Amino acid sequence: MKKNLKCLAAAAAILMGLSGSVWGADIDLAKNSTLEQILQKGELRVGFEAGYMPFEMTDKKGEFVGFDIDIAKMMAKAMGVKFVPINTAWDGIIPSLITGKFDIIMSGMTVTQERNLKVNFADPYIVVGQAILLNKKHEGAVTSYKDLNDPKFTVTSKLGTTGEQAVKRYIPKCNYKSFETETEAVLEVINGKADAYVYDQPNCVVIMAEQGAGKLVFLDQPFTYEPLAWAISKGDPDFMNWLNNFLRQIKNDGRYDQVYDKWIKSTDWYQNVK
């Protein structure tokens, strides 16, 4: 009996020791969270690439504005810290996050398996897909991305984006031309040097509103499913938990809808960034 009691006591001591170790590890994890660092520094550093309308751009006053910018400011306010915008080139945005240049990427980033190997994504805050802007001469003749899958058609998109990936995957037979910016890729179509432009639906909405009249045809039905989400460094469950709860809250208290209506449903803002 005494042996059994000794064994039980020893087992209990081991379990308590393990529990203490796990608890200590949890405390250390929380202390090392980016969330804790944000609170200590008193600022939320947000990485993005200005130019992806209507998510992040520069207005006539030189200030950063857009869907993501409004949400980021809302996020900083909820944390009780200062919002610090950091404009970064797209091809270096993930490395900059990993090396600590900023705390989070809020830049209309599509969740992909390749990117997810390098960063962690919060729950998607909006779902978009690739849409098409056609040169006016193809109105009625081309009604789907499938019609463009022919070497006689030249299709453009931005280098290194999911628009480019979509062209290569769904329209592999077309003559594809990539460009450094969305503007260059669209102008190629407007000027008749290319037949179609493939890019995220919200971006196509903006382009159609600002320069598409009489020049472009908008095939607005997305042909891909692309969730956009905020990206953070790997191994940070505390920050991830806070972000997902923040998103859930604003989507259910009306704040998200206000931002969505302002930047996605309306194009009134365009006059201020023209």
Protein backbone atom coordinates (compact mmCIF):
# COMPACT_ATOMS: atom_id res chain seq x y z
CA MET A 1 0.00 0.00 0.00
CA LYS A 2 2.82 2.35 0.98
CA LYS A 3 4.55 1.54 -2.32
CA ASN A 4 1.40 2.46 -4.22
CA LEU A 5 1.07 5.74 -2.34
CA LYS A 6 4.71 6.56 -3.06
CA CYS A 7 4.19 5.76 -6.73
CA LEU A 8 1.06 7.94 -6.88
CA ALA A 9 2.87 10.78 -5.15
CA ALA A 10 5.80 10.51 -7.54
CA ALA A 11 3.47 10.46 -10.54
CA ALA A 12 1.60 13.50 -9.21
CA ALA A 13 4.88 15.34 -8.72
CA ILE A 14 5.93 14.55 -12.29
CA LEU A 15 2.58 15.73 -13.67
CA MET A 16 2.76 18.93 -11.63
CA GLY A 17 6.28 19.49 -12.90
CA LEU A 18 5.19 18.96 -16.49
CA SER A 19 2.19 21.21 -15.99
CA GLY A 20 4.43 23.90 -14.54
CA SER A 21 6.78 23.59 -17.49
CA VAL A 22 3.94 23.91 -19.98
CA TRP A 23 2.49 26.86 -18.06
CA GLY A 24 5.87 28.54 -18.01
CA ALA A 25 6.27 27.93 -21.72
CA ASP A 26 2.84 29.49 -22.34
CA ILE A 27 3.81 32.57 -20.33
CA ASP A 28 7.06 32.93 -22.27
CA LEU A 29 5.18 32.52 -25.56
CA ALA A 30 2.78 35.30 -24.58
CA LYS A 31 5.64 37.60 -23.53
CA ASN A 32 7.39 37.05 -26.86
CA SER A 33 4.26 37.65 -28.93
CA THR A 34 4.29 40.47 -31.47
CA LEU A 35 1.11 41.65 -29.77
CA GLU A 36 2.99 42.24 -26.53
CA GLN A 37 5.75 44.08 -28.40
CA ILE A 38 3.17 46.31 -30.09
CA LEU A 39 1.65 47.23 -26.74
CA GLN A 40 5.05 47.92 -25.20
CA LYS A 41 6.21 50.10 -28.11
CA GLY A 42 2.86 51.84 -28.34
CA GLU A 43 2.67 51.49 -32.11
CA LEU A 44 1.33 49.13 -34.76
CA ARG A 45 3.65 49.01 -37.77
CA VAL A 46 1.69 47.98 -40.85
CA GLY A 47 3.38 46.89 -44.08
CA PHE A 48 1.70 47.39 -47.47
CA GLU A 49 2.39 48.46 -51.04
CA ALA A 50 0.55 51.64 -51.99
CA GLY A 51 -1.00 51.45 -55.45
CA TYR A 52 -3.44 48.57 -55.16
CA MET A 53 -6.72 50.45 -55.37
CA PRO A 54 -9.00 50.53 -53.50
CA PHE A 55 -7.08 48.76 -50.74
CA GLU A 56 -4.03 51.02 -50.31
CA MET A 57 -3.07 54.12 -52.24
CA THR A 58 -1.94 57.74 -51.89
CA ASP A 59 -4.41 60.63 -52.06
CA LYS A 60 -3.85 64.13 -53.43
CA LYS A 61 -2.42 65.24 -50.08
CA GLY A 62 0.18 62.47 -50.17
CA GLU A 63 -1.52 60.52 -47.39
CA PHE A 64 -2.10 56.77 -47.45
CA VAL A 65 -5.77 55.86 -47.81
CA GLY A 66 -7.87 52.83 -48.71
CA PHE A 67 -9.78 49.83 -47.42
CA ASP A 68 -6.79 48.24 -45.66
CA ILE A 69 -5.61 51.58 -44.28
CA ASP A 70 -8.99 52.27 -42.64
CA ILE A 71 -9.07 48.79 -41.08
CA ALA A 72 -5.46 49.17 -39.90
CA LYS A 73 -6.28 52.48 -38.21
CA MET A 74 -9.30 50.86 -36.60
CA MET A 75 -7.07 48.01 -35.40
CA ALA A 76 -4.51 50.38 -33.89
CA LYS A 77 -7.28 52.27 -32.10
CA ALA A 78 -8.63 49.01 -30.65
CA MET A 79 -5.13 48.26 -29.33
CA GLY A 80 -4.73 51.77 -27.97
CA VAL A 81 -1.54 52.36 -29.97
CA LYS A 82 -0.30 54.59 -32.80
CA PHE A 83 -0.79 53.52 -36.42
CA VAL A 84 2.52 53.51 -38.31
CA PRO A 85 2.21 52.90 -42.10
CA ILE A 86 5.23 51.40 -43.88
CA ASN A 87 5.04 51.43 -47.68
CA THR A 88 7.08 48.51 -49.06
CA ALA A 89 7.80 47.07 -52.51
CA TRP A 90 5.68 43.98 -53.10
CA ASP A 91 8.56 41.63 -53.95
CA GLY A 92 10.16 42.35 -50.57
CA ILE A 93 7.08 42.56 -48.37
CA ILE A 94 7.20 39.03 -46.89
CA PRO A 95 10.99 39.13 -46.21
CA SER A 96 10.47 42.52 -44.52
CA LEU A 97 7.82 41.03 -42.23
CA ILE A 98 10.05 38.08 -41.35
CA THR A 99 12.98 40.35 -40.51
CA GLY A 100 10.81 42.54 -38.26
CA LYS A 101 10.52 45.70 -40.38
CA PHE A 102 6.83 45.77 -39.44
CA ASP A 103 4.34 43.78 -37.35
CA ILE A 104 1.74 42.76 -39.92
CA ILE A 105 1.05 42.79 -43.67
CA MET A 106 -2.28 44.41 -44.55
CA SER A 107 -2.01 44.78 -48.31
CA GLY A 108 -4.71 42.88 -50.16
CA MET A 109 -2.61 39.73 -49.95
CA THR A 110 -4.16 36.56 -51.32
CA VAL A 111 -3.74 33.46 -49.20
CA THR A 112 -1.70 30.89 -51.14
CA GLN A 113 -0.09 27.65 -50.01
CA GLU A 114 3.32 28.95 -51.10
CA ARG A 115 3.03 32.12 -49.02
CA ASN A 116 1.60 30.16 -46.11
CA LEU A 117 4.88 28.24 -45.88
CA LYS A 118 6.59 31.51 -44.93
CA VAL A 119 3.92 33.39 -42.96
CA ASN A 120 0.73 32.71 -41.04
CA PHE A 121 -2.58 34.15 -42.22
CA ALA A 122 -5.47 35.36 -40.09
CA ASP A 123 -9.02 34.49 -41.20
CA PRO A 124 -9.85 36.04 -44.61
CA TYR A 125 -11.32 39.54 -44.32
CA ILE A 126 -12.62 39.61 -47.89
CA VAL A 127 -12.90 37.15 -50.79
CA VAL A 128 -12.18 38.28 -54.33
CA GLY A 129 -11.25 36.58 -57.58
CA GLN A 130 -9.62 37.30 -60.91
CA ALA A 131 -11.74 39.21 -63.40
CA ILE A 132 -11.09 40.45 -66.94
CA LEU A 133 -10.96 43.80 -68.70
CA LEU A 134 -11.17 43.46 -72.49
CA ASN A 135 -10.28 45.83 -75.26
CA LYS A 136 -13.60 47.21 -76.59
CA LYS A 137 -13.09 45.54 -79.99
CA HIS A 138 -13.76 42.14 -78.40
CA GLU A 139 -17.16 43.06 -76.97
CA GLY A 140 -19.61 40.19 -77.51
CA ALA A 141 -16.99 37.93 -79.08
CA VAL A 142 -15.11 37.15 -75.87
CA THR A 143 -17.41 36.36 -72.94
CA SER A 144 -15.21 34.21 -70.70
CA TYR A 145 -11.59 33.54 -69.80
CA LYS A 146 -11.95 30.31 -71.79
CA ASP A 147 -12.34 32.31 -75.00
CA LEU A 148 -8.91 33.87 -74.41
CA ASN A 149 -7.14 30.53 -74.29
CA ASP A 150 -5.72 30.93 -77.76
CA PRO A 151 -2.28 32.09 -79.04
CA LYS A 152 -3.95 34.86 -81.04
CA PHE A 153 -4.85 36.69 -77.82
CA THR A 154 -2.35 38.71 -75.78
CA VAL A 155 -3.19 38.87 -72.09
CA THR A 156 -1.52 41.08 -69.48
CA SER A 157 -1.18 41.17 -65.70
CA LYS A 158 1.21 42.33 -62.98
CA LEU A 159 4.44 40.44 -62.38
CA GLY A 160 4.48 38.11 -59.37
CA THR A 161 0.78 38.29 -58.57
CA THR A 162 -2.07 35.79 -58.45
CA GLY A 163 -3.34 37.47 -61.61
CA GLU A 164 -0.24 36.23 -63.39
CA GLN A 165 -0.68 32.78 -61.84
CA ALA A 166 -4.31 32.66 -62.99
CA VAL A 167 -3.36 33.47 -66.59
CA LYS A 168 -0.70 30.74 -66.64
CA ARG A 169 -3.04 28.20 -65.06
CA TYR A 170 -6.38 28.91 -66.74
CA ILE A 171 -5.33 30.58 -70.02
CA PRO A 172 -2.04 28.78 -70.80
CA LYS A 173 -2.32 28.99 -74.58
CA CYS A 174 -2.55 32.80 -74.74
CA ASN A 175 0.39 35.10 -75.40
CA TYR A 176 1.12 36.40 -71.89
CA LYS A 177 2.91 39.68 -71.11
CA SER A 178 3.79 40.69 -67.54
CA PHE A 179 4.36 44.24 -66.25
CA GLU A 180 5.82 45.82 -63.12
CA THR A 181 2.62 47.77 -62.38
CA GLU A 182 -1.12 47.40 -62.88
CA THR A 183 -1.19 50.72 -64.77
CA GLU A 184 1.28 49.56 -67.42
CA ALA A 185 -0.60 46.28 -67.91
CA VAL A 186 -3.96 48.03 -68.37
CA LEU A 187 -2.60 50.69 -70.72
CA GLU A 188 -1.35 47.93 -73.00
CA VAL A 189 -4.97 46.81 -73.43
CA ILE A 190 -6.42 50.33 -73.72
CA ASN A 191 -3.85 51.19 -76.40
CA GLY A 192 -4.72 48.07 -78.37
CA LYS A 193 -1.35 46.38 -77.89
CA ALA A 194 -2.98 43.60 -75.87
CA ASP A 195 -6.44 42.06 -75.81
CA ALA A 196 -7.19 41.54 -72.13
CA TYR A 197 -6.07 42.39 -68.61
CA VAL A 198 -6.49 39.87 -65.76
CA TYR A 199 -6.44 41.04 -62.16
CA ASP A 200 -8.33 41.11 -58.86
CA GLN A 201 -11.98 42.05 -59.26
CA PRO A 202 -11.88 45.17 -56.98
CA ASN A 203 -8.96 46.55 -58.97
CA CYS A 204 -10.84 45.97 -62.23
CA VAL A 205 -13.87 47.81 -60.81
CA VAL A 206 -11.69 50.84 -60.07
CA ILE A 207 -9.97 50.82 -63.46
CA MET A 208 -13.30 50.52 -65.25
CA ALA A 209 -14.64 53.49 -63.30
CA GLU A 210 -11.64 55.72 -63.91
CA GLN A 211 -10.72 55.04 -67.53
CA GLY A 212 -12.77 52.19 -68.97
CA ALA A 213 -15.71 54.06 -70.49
CA GLY A 214 -15.82 53.43 -74.23
CA LYS A 215 -12.44 51.67 -74.15
CA LEU A 216 -12.85 48.52 -72.08
CA VAL A 217 -15.39 45.75 -71.51
CA PHE A 218 -15.64 44.39 -67.97
CA LEU A 219 -16.16 40.64 -67.55
CA ASP A 220 -16.98 41.06 -63.88
CA GLN A 221 -17.65 37.42 -62.92
CA PRO A 222 -14.51 36.19 -61.10
CA PHE A 223 -13.11 32.91 -62.40
CA THR A 224 -10.98 32.14 -59.34
CA TYR A 225 -11.57 32.00 -55.57
CA GLU A 226 -9.10 34.16 -53.68
CA PRO A 227 -9.38 34.98 -50.00
CA LEU A 228 -7.42 38.03 -48.86
CA ALA A 229 -5.98 37.98 -45.35
CA TRP A 230 -3.53 39.68 -42.99
CA ALA A 231 -0.15 38.01 -42.68
CA ILE A 232 1.98 37.76 -39.55
CA SER A 233 5.18 35.96 -38.58
CA LYS A 234 4.92 32.27 -37.81
CA GLY A 235 4.60 30.89 -34.28
CA ASP A 236 2.48 33.64 -32.73
CA PRO A 237 -0.87 32.21 -31.52
CA ASP A 238 -1.57 35.17 -29.19
CA PHE A 239 -1.43 37.74 -31.98
CA MET A 240 -3.43 35.46 -34.29
CA ASN A 241 -6.12 35.00 -31.64
CA TRP A 242 -6.45 38.75 -31.16
CA LEU A 243 -6.65 39.43 -34.91
CA ASN A 244 -9.35 36.83 -35.55
CA ASN A 245 -11.45 38.09 -32.65
CA PHE A 246 -11.00 41.69 -33.83
CA LEU A 247 -12.15 40.73 -37.34
CA ARG A 248 -15.14 38.84 -35.97
CA GLN A 249 -16.11 41.84 -33.86
CA ILE A 250 -15.97 44.49 -36.60
CA LYS A 251 -17.82 42.21 -39.04
CA ASN A 252 -20.70 41.96 -36.60
CA ASP A 253 -20.93 45.48 -35.18
CA GLY A 254 -21.26 47.40 -38.46
CA ARG A 255 -17.77 48.90 -38.65
CA TYR A 256 -16.58 46.53 -41.38
CA ASP A 257 -19.66 47.23 -43.51
CA GLN A 258 -18.97 50.98 -43.34
CA VAL A 259 -15.46 50.47 -44.69
CA TYR A 260 -16.65 47.99 -47.35
CA ASP A 261 -19.37 50.34 -48.60
CA LYS A 262 -16.93 53.26 -48.71
CA TRP A 263 -14.16 51.57 -50.72
CA ILE A 264 -15.69 48.60 -52.56
CA LYS A 265 -19.30 49.50 -53.34
CA SER A 266 -18.61 53.15 -54.10
CA THR A 267 -16.04 54.89 -56.29
CA ASP A 268 -16.68 58.39 -54.89
CA TRP A 269 -13.26 58.27 -53.24
CA TYR A 270 -11.55 58.21 -56.62
CA GLN A 271 -11.80 62.00 -57.04
CA ASN A 272 -9.50 62.40 -54.02
CA VAL A 273 -6.75 60.17 -55.39
CA LYS A 274 -6.90 61.16 -59.07
